[in-house]
């Protein structure tokens, strides 16, 4: 747990350093950047920022995998939807190989 917390703090510090050196800030504004600026304004503590980033890193892969699983189940249960999706892919991609 301490190792993970330390790694998060290091990543946030890297992000903070990057934000301080960029020319166009709007190109680098993401949720982590918003959290860092909220801390700079005094709206959040460093612990709040660390916890939010940690939760994003831990929760995102799990929720994404569950969402994809149920999406694939729904597609498998509705073959006409699958056929429409395949036609759409073929329309956009043509005869190109899909990237793996």
Protein backbone atom coordinates (compact mmCIF):
# COMPACT_ATOMS: atom_id res chain seq x y z
CA UNK A 1 0.00 0.00 0.00
CA UNK A 2 2.83 2.40 0.84
CA UNK A 3 4.58 1.51 -2.42
CA UNK A 4 1.42 2.22 -4.41
CA UNK A 5 0.85 5.49 -2.57
CA UNK A 6 4.45 6.51 -3.23
CA UNK A 7 4.12 5.64 -6.91
CA UNK A 8 0.94 7.74 -7.17
CA UNK A 9 2.65 10.69 -5.49
CA UNK A 10 5.56 10.39 -7.93
CA UNK A 11 3.21 10.27 -10.96
CA UNK A 12 1.26 13.29 -9.71
CA UNK A 13 4.50 15.20 -9.17
CA UNK A 14 5.60 14.34 -12.73
CA UNK A 15 2.25 15.62 -14.02
CA UNK A 16 2.61 18.79 -11.91
CA UNK A 17 6.09 19.42 -13.36
CA UNK A 18 4.84 18.86 -16.90
CA UNK A 19 1.96 21.29 -16.38
CA UNK A 20 4.37 23.93 -15.15
CA UNK A 21 6.45 23.76 -18.35
CA UNK A 22 3.89 23.39 -21.16
CA UNK A 23 3.26 26.21 -23.61
CA UNK A 24 -0.41 25.48 -24.31
CA UNK A 25 -2.11 24.42 -21.11
CA UNK A 26 -5.45 23.60 -22.77
CA UNK A 27 -3.84 20.71 -24.67
CA UNK A 28 -2.89 19.05 -21.38
CA UNK A 29 -6.08 19.56 -19.38
CA UNK A 30 -7.43 16.26 -18.17
CA UNK A 31 -9.00 15.13 -14.92
CA UNK A 32 -5.64 14.76 -13.14
CA UNK A 33 -4.72 18.30 -14.24
CA UNK A 34 -8.00 19.63 -12.90
CA UNK A 35 -7.31 17.93 -9.57
CA UNK A 36 -3.84 19.46 -9.39
CA UNK A 37 -5.19 22.94 -10.10
CA UNK A 38 -7.91 22.43 -7.49
CA UNK A 39 -5.16 21.67 -4.98
CA UNK A 40 -3.23 24.77 -6.08
CA UNK A 41 -6.35 26.86 -5.43
CA UNK A 42 -6.76 25.26 -2.00
CA UNK A 43 -9.98 23.44 -2.91
CA UNK A 44 -8.37 20.00 -2.36
CA UNK A 45 -5.56 18.68 -0.22
CA UNK A 46 -2.62 16.69 -1.61
CA UNK A 47 -4.19 13.61 0.04
CA UNK A 48 -7.49 14.28 -1.80
CA UNK A 49 -5.66 14.46 -5.13
CA UNK A 50 -3.65 11.30 -4.43
CA UNK A 51 -6.78 9.39 -3.42
CA UNK A 52 -8.74 10.47 -6.51
CA UNK A 53 -5.94 9.50 -8.88
CA UNK A 54 -5.41 6.19 -7.08
CA UNK A 55 -9.11 5.35 -7.31
CA UNK A 56 -9.14 6.20 -11.02
CA UNK A 57 -6.17 3.90 -11.63
CA UNK A 58 -7.65 1.02 -9.65
CA UNK A 59 -11.31 1.33 -10.63
CA UNK A 60 -11.06 2.09 -14.35
CA UNK A 61 -9.76 -1.29 -15.59
CA UNK A 62 -12.36 -3.18 -13.53
CA UNK A 63 -15.35 -1.12 -14.66
CA UNK A 64 -14.13 -1.16 -18.26
CA UNK A 65 -13.75 -4.93 -18.31
CA UNK A 66 -17.22 -5.46 -16.81
CA UNK A 67 -18.77 -3.03 -19.30
CA UNK A 68 -17.05 -4.72 -22.25
CA UNK A 69 -18.11 -8.15 -20.99
CA UNK A 70 -21.79 -7.16 -20.83
CA UNK A 71 -21.57 -5.36 -24.17
CA UNK A 72 -20.21 -8.53 -25.80
CA UNK A 73 -22.93 -10.66 -24.15
CA UNK A 74 -25.61 -8.30 -25.48
CA UNK A 75 -24.12 -8.36 -28.97
CA UNK A 76 -23.99 -12.18 -28.89
CA UNK A 77 -27.65 -12.29 -27.86
CA UNK A 78 -28.68 -10.01 -30.77
CA UNK A 79 -27.20 -11.37 -34.02
CA UNK A 80 -28.86 -8.69 -36.17
CA UNK A 81 -27.05 -6.01 -34.18
CA UNK A 82 -23.79 -7.90 -34.64
CA UNK A 83 -24.40 -8.07 -38.40
CA UNK A 84 -25.11 -4.33 -38.52
CA UNK A 85 -21.92 -3.62 -36.57
CA UNK A 86 -19.88 -5.78 -38.94
CA UNK A 87 -21.37 -3.96 -41.95
CA UNK A 88 -20.49 -0.62 -40.36
CA UNK A 89 -16.92 -1.77 -39.73
CA UNK A 90 -16.60 -2.98 -43.33
CA UNK A 91 -18.04 0.31 -44.62
CA UNK A 92 -15.50 2.35 -42.66
CA UNK A 93 -12.50 0.03 -42.95
CA UNK A 94 -13.11 -1.43 -46.42
CA UNK A 95 -10.84 -4.38 -47.04
CA UNK A 96 -8.18 -3.18 -44.60
CA UNK A 97 -7.08 -5.52 -41.85
CA UNK A 98 -8.39 -4.50 -38.44
CA UNK A 99 -5.56 -3.53 -36.07
CA UNK A 100 -5.01 -6.09 -33.35
